[in-house]
Amino acid sequence: MTTRSEYIASHRALFWSVGDDKLSGISDALLVETILNYGTLEDVRALIDLLGLVKVALVFRKTFHNRSRHNYFPQVANFFNLYFNRHAPGNPV
């Protein structure tokens, strides 16, 4: 299992907008949003291994449900909303 910093360093291209000096300060919200929007299926699996399904679902719900405007693509938001409702139910926001 890789650590968070190793994962981010090995997937540096996904975090192109973050400066090298700020990579260690990437929030869970930015990590989840970036991987769900731009990552591959393997990246999503690695994210769930890294943070855990419940934590990923909680971060997604906080950034998706509590905002009228969010940065998730519509298809991504719909898919993961359905996915987390089925596989991580009862996870309050």
N, C-alpha and C. Protein backbone atom coordinates (compact mmCIF):
# COMPACT_ATOMS: atom_id res chain seq x y z
N MET A 1 0.84 -1.18 0.00
CA MET A 1 0.00 0.00 0.00
C MET A 1 0.88 1.25 0.00
N THR A 2 0.55 2.17 -0.85
CA THR A 2 1.33 3.40 -0.95
C THR A 2 0.78 4.45 0.01
N THR A 3 1.61 5.38 0.35
CA THR A 3 1.17 6.48 1.20
C THR A 3 0.56 7.57 0.33
N ARG A 4 -0.06 8.50 0.97
CA ARG A 4 -0.71 9.60 0.26
C ARG A 4 0.29 10.39 -0.59
N SER A 5 1.43 10.74 0.00
CA SER A 5 2.43 11.53 -0.72
C SER A 5 3.04 10.75 -1.88
N GLU A 6 3.24 9.45 -1.71
CA GLU A 6 3.75 8.62 -2.81
C GLU A 6 2.73 8.55 -3.95
N TYR A 7 1.47 8.41 -3.58
CA TYR A 7 0.42 8.35 -4.59
C TYR A 7 0.36 9.64 -5.40
N ILE A 8 0.37 10.77 -4.70
CA ILE A 8 0.31 12.07 -5.38
C ILE A 8 1.53 12.27 -6.28
N ALA A 9 2.70 11.91 -5.78
CA ALA A 9 3.92 12.06 -6.58
C ALA A 9 3.90 11.18 -7.82
N SER A 10 3.37 9.97 -7.70
CA SER A 10 3.34 9.07 -8.85
C SER A 10 2.25 9.44 -9.85
N HIS A 11 1.30 10.27 -9.45
CA HIS A 11 0.23 10.72 -10.34
C HIS A 11 0.29 12.24 -10.49
N ARG A 12 1.49 12.75 -10.60
CA ARG A 12 1.73 14.20 -10.65
C ARG A 12 0.96 14.88 -11.78
N ALA A 13 0.78 14.23 -12.89
CA ALA A 13 0.09 14.83 -14.03
C ALA A 13 -1.36 15.20 -13.71
N LEU A 14 -1.99 14.46 -12.82
CA LEU A 14 -3.36 14.78 -12.43
C LEU A 14 -3.45 16.08 -11.65
N PHE A 15 -2.36 16.41 -10.97
CA PHE A 15 -2.34 17.60 -10.11
C PHE A 15 -1.51 18.71 -10.75
N TRP A 16 -1.69 18.91 -12.03
CA TRP A 16 -0.91 19.88 -12.80
C TRP A 16 -1.11 21.30 -12.30
N SER A 17 -2.26 21.60 -11.72
CA SER A 17 -2.53 22.98 -11.30
C SER A 17 -1.95 23.32 -9.94
N VAL A 18 -1.39 22.34 -9.26
CA VAL A 18 -0.83 22.55 -7.92
C VAL A 18 0.69 22.67 -8.05
N GLY A 19 1.23 23.69 -7.44
CA GLY A 19 2.67 23.89 -7.48
C GLY A 19 3.41 22.81 -6.72
N ASP A 20 4.66 22.57 -7.10
CA ASP A 20 5.47 21.53 -6.46
C ASP A 20 5.60 21.75 -4.95
N ASP A 21 5.66 23.00 -4.54
CA ASP A 21 5.82 23.30 -3.12
C ASP A 21 4.54 23.08 -2.32
N LYS A 22 3.39 22.93 -3.00
CA LYS A 22 2.11 22.76 -2.31
C LYS A 22 1.52 21.36 -2.44
N LEU A 23 2.26 20.45 -3.04
CA LEU A 23 1.74 19.09 -3.22
C LEU A 23 1.45 18.39 -1.90
N SER A 24 2.24 18.65 -0.89
CA SER A 24 2.03 17.99 0.40
C SER A 24 0.80 18.52 1.12
N GLY A 25 0.28 19.66 0.70
CA GLY A 25 -0.87 20.26 1.35
C GLY A 25 -2.19 20.04 0.63
N ILE A 26 -2.22 19.10 -0.28
CA ILE A 26 -3.46 18.83 -1.02
C ILE A 26 -4.52 18.30 -0.05
N SER A 27 -5.68 18.93 -0.07
CA SER A 27 -6.77 18.52 0.83
C SER A 27 -7.44 17.24 0.32
N ASP A 28 -8.19 16.61 1.21
CA ASP A 28 -8.95 15.43 0.81
C ASP A 28 -9.96 15.79 -0.26
N ALA A 29 -10.56 16.98 -0.15
CA ALA A 29 -11.56 17.39 -1.13
C ALA A 29 -10.96 17.51 -2.52
N LEU A 30 -9.79 18.13 -2.63
CA LEU A 30 -9.13 18.25 -3.93
C LEU A 30 -8.68 16.89 -4.45
N LEU A 31 -8.17 16.06 -3.58
CA LEU A 31 -7.72 14.72 -3.98
C LEU A 31 -8.88 13.91 -4.54
N VAL A 32 -10.00 13.88 -3.83
CA VAL A 32 -11.16 13.10 -4.27
C VAL A 32 -11.73 13.69 -5.56
N GLU A 33 -11.89 15.00 -5.60
CA GLU A 33 -12.45 15.64 -6.80
C GLU A 33 -11.61 15.37 -8.03
N THR A 34 -10.30 15.50 -7.90
CA THR A 34 -9.40 15.30 -9.04
C THR A 34 -9.43 13.86 -9.53
N ILE A 35 -9.35 12.92 -8.61
CA ILE A 35 -9.33 11.49 -9.00
C ILE A 35 -10.66 11.09 -9.62
N LEU A 36 -11.78 11.50 -9.01
CA LEU A 36 -13.07 11.10 -9.56
C LEU A 36 -13.32 11.74 -10.92
N ASN A 37 -12.89 12.96 -11.12
CA ASN A 37 -13.11 13.64 -12.40
C ASN A 37 -12.16 13.18 -13.50
N TYR A 38 -10.89 13.04 -13.18
CA TYR A 38 -9.87 12.84 -14.22
C TYR A 38 -9.14 11.49 -14.16
N GLY A 39 -9.30 10.77 -13.07
CA GLY A 39 -8.57 9.52 -12.91
C GLY A 39 -9.19 8.36 -13.66
N THR A 40 -8.43 7.31 -13.75
CA THR A 40 -8.91 6.07 -14.36
C THR A 40 -9.59 5.22 -13.29
N LEU A 41 -10.12 4.10 -13.71
CA LEU A 41 -10.74 3.18 -12.74
C LEU A 41 -9.70 2.71 -11.73
N GLU A 42 -8.50 2.46 -12.18
CA GLU A 42 -7.43 2.04 -11.26
C GLU A 42 -7.10 3.15 -10.26
N ASP A 43 -7.15 4.40 -10.72
CA ASP A 43 -6.92 5.53 -9.81
C ASP A 43 -8.00 5.60 -8.74
N VAL A 44 -9.25 5.37 -9.13
CA VAL A 44 -10.36 5.38 -8.17
C VAL A 44 -10.19 4.25 -7.16
N ARG A 45 -9.80 3.08 -7.63
CA ARG A 45 -9.55 1.96 -6.71
C ARG A 45 -8.43 2.28 -5.74
N ALA A 46 -7.36 2.89 -6.24
CA ALA A 46 -6.24 3.26 -5.38
C ALA A 46 -6.67 4.32 -4.36
N LEU A 47 -7.50 5.25 -4.78
CA LEU A 47 -8.02 6.26 -3.85
C LEU A 47 -8.83 5.62 -2.74
N ILE A 48 -9.68 4.67 -3.09
CA ILE A 48 -10.49 3.98 -2.08
C ILE A 48 -9.60 3.16 -1.16
N ASP A 49 -8.55 2.54 -1.68
CA ASP A 49 -7.60 1.81 -0.84
C ASP A 49 -6.86 2.76 0.10
N LEU A 50 -6.55 3.94 -0.40
CA LEU A 50 -5.79 4.92 0.37
C LEU A 50 -6.61 5.56 1.48
N LEU A 51 -7.81 6.02 1.16
CA LEU A 51 -8.63 6.73 2.14
C LEU A 51 -9.73 5.89 2.77
N GLY A 52 -10.17 4.87 2.07
CA GLY A 52 -11.30 4.07 2.52
C GLY A 52 -12.58 4.53 1.85
N LEU A 53 -13.47 3.60 1.59
CA LEU A 53 -14.72 3.90 0.88
C LEU A 53 -15.57 4.90 1.63
N VAL A 54 -15.71 4.74 2.92
CA VAL A 54 -16.56 5.63 3.71
C VAL A 54 -16.02 7.06 3.69
N LYS A 55 -14.71 7.22 3.83
CA LYS A 55 -14.11 8.56 3.82
C LYS A 55 -14.26 9.22 2.45
N VAL A 56 -14.04 8.47 1.37
CA VAL A 56 -14.20 9.02 0.02
C VAL A 56 -15.66 9.45 -0.19
N ALA A 57 -16.60 8.61 0.23
CA ALA A 57 -18.02 8.94 0.10
C ALA A 57 -18.37 10.18 0.91
N LEU A 58 -17.84 10.30 2.11
CA LEU A 58 -18.12 11.45 2.96
C LEU A 58 -17.58 12.74 2.35
N VAL A 59 -16.35 12.69 1.85
CA VAL A 59 -15.75 13.87 1.20
C VAL A 59 -16.54 14.24 -0.05
N PHE A 60 -16.91 13.27 -0.85
CA PHE A 60 -17.71 13.53 -2.05
C PHE A 60 -19.03 14.19 -1.68
N ARG A 61 -19.72 13.63 -0.70
CA ARG A 61 -21.02 14.17 -0.31
C ARG A 61 -20.92 15.59 0.25
N LYS A 62 -19.87 15.86 0.99
CA LYS A 62 -19.69 17.21 1.54
C LYS A 62 -19.48 18.23 0.42
N THR A 63 -18.72 17.85 -0.59
CA THR A 63 -18.43 18.79 -1.67
C THR A 63 -19.51 18.80 -2.75
N PHE A 64 -20.36 17.80 -2.78
CA PHE A 64 -21.38 17.71 -3.82
C PHE A 64 -22.74 18.19 -3.33
N HIS A 65 -23.21 17.67 -2.21
CA HIS A 65 -24.57 17.95 -1.75
C HIS A 65 -24.73 19.30 -1.07
N ASN A 66 -23.72 19.82 -0.46
CA ASN A 66 -23.86 21.07 0.29
C ASN A 66 -23.59 22.31 -0.54
N ARG A 67 -23.41 22.14 -1.82
CA ARG A 67 -23.09 23.29 -2.67
C ARG A 67 -24.00 23.33 -3.87
N SER A 68 -24.44 24.52 -4.22
CA SER A 68 -25.24 24.64 -5.44
C SER A 68 -24.35 24.56 -6.67
N ARG A 69 -23.08 24.90 -6.48
CA ARG A 69 -22.11 24.83 -7.58
C ARG A 69 -20.92 24.00 -7.11
N HIS A 70 -20.56 23.03 -7.91
CA HIS A 70 -19.41 22.18 -7.58
C HIS A 70 -18.60 21.94 -8.84
N ASN A 71 -17.47 21.30 -8.69
CA ASN A 71 -16.56 21.12 -9.83
C ASN A 71 -16.61 19.73 -10.46
N TYR A 72 -17.55 18.89 -10.06
CA TYR A 72 -17.66 17.57 -10.65
C TYR A 72 -18.37 17.66 -12.00
N PHE A 73 -17.89 16.88 -12.96
CA PHE A 73 -18.60 16.78 -14.23
C PHE A 73 -19.98 16.15 -13.95
N PRO A 74 -21.02 16.53 -14.68
CA PRO A 74 -22.37 16.01 -14.39
C PRO A 74 -22.45 14.48 -14.39
N GLN A 75 -21.80 13.84 -15.36
CA GLN A 75 -21.84 12.38 -15.43
C GLN A 75 -21.11 11.75 -14.24
N VAL A 76 -20.00 12.34 -13.86
CA VAL A 76 -19.21 11.85 -12.72
C VAL A 76 -20.02 12.01 -11.44
N ALA A 77 -20.62 13.17 -11.25
CA ALA A 77 -21.42 13.42 -10.05
C ALA A 77 -22.58 12.45 -9.95
N ASN A 78 -23.28 12.23 -11.06
CA ASN A 78 -24.40 11.29 -11.06
C ASN A 78 -23.95 9.88 -10.75
N PHE A 79 -22.89 9.42 -11.41
CA PHE A 79 -22.42 8.05 -11.21
C PHE A 79 -22.00 7.82 -9.76
N PHE A 80 -21.15 8.69 -9.24
CA PHE A 80 -20.64 8.46 -7.89
C PHE A 80 -21.69 8.73 -6.82
N ASN A 81 -22.67 9.58 -7.09
CA ASN A 81 -23.78 9.74 -6.16
C ASN A 81 -24.55 8.42 -6.04
N LEU A 82 -24.85 7.81 -7.17
CA LEU A 82 -25.52 6.50 -7.16
C LEU A 82 -24.63 5.42 -6.53
N TYR A 83 -23.36 5.42 -6.87
CA TYR A 83 -22.43 4.41 -6.36
C TYR A 83 -22.31 4.49 -4.84
N PHE A 84 -22.09 5.68 -4.32
CA PHE A 84 -21.92 5.82 -2.87
C PHE A 84 -23.23 5.60 -2.12
N ASN A 85 -24.37 5.93 -2.71
CA ASN A 85 -25.64 5.63 -2.07
C ASN A 85 -25.85 4.13 -1.93
N ARG A 86 -25.33 3.38 -2.88
CA ARG A 86 -25.49 1.93 -2.82
C ARG A 86 -24.43 1.26 -1.95
N HIS A 87 -23.17 1.69 -2.07
CA HIS A 87 -22.08 0.99 -1.42
C HIS A 87 -21.60 1.62 -0.11
N ALA A 88 -22.04 2.84 0.18
CA ALA A 88 -21.67 3.48 1.45
C ALA A 88 -22.90 4.22 1.99
N PRO A 89 -24.01 3.49 2.19
CA PRO A 89 -25.23 4.16 2.66
C PRO A 89 -25.10 4.56 4.14
N GLY A 90 -25.96 5.44 4.53
CA GLY A 90 -25.98 5.85 5.94
C GLY A 90 -24.79 6.70 6.32
N ASN A 91 -24.16 7.28 5.35
CA ASN A 91 -23.00 8.13 5.58
C ASN A 91 -23.49 9.58 5.58
N PRO A 92 -23.88 10.12 6.72
CA PRO A 92 -24.48 11.46 6.73
C PRO A 92 -23.49 12.55 6.36
N VAL A 93 -24.02 13.60 5.83
CA VAL A 93 -23.19 14.74 5.44
C VAL A 93 -23.07 15.70 6.60
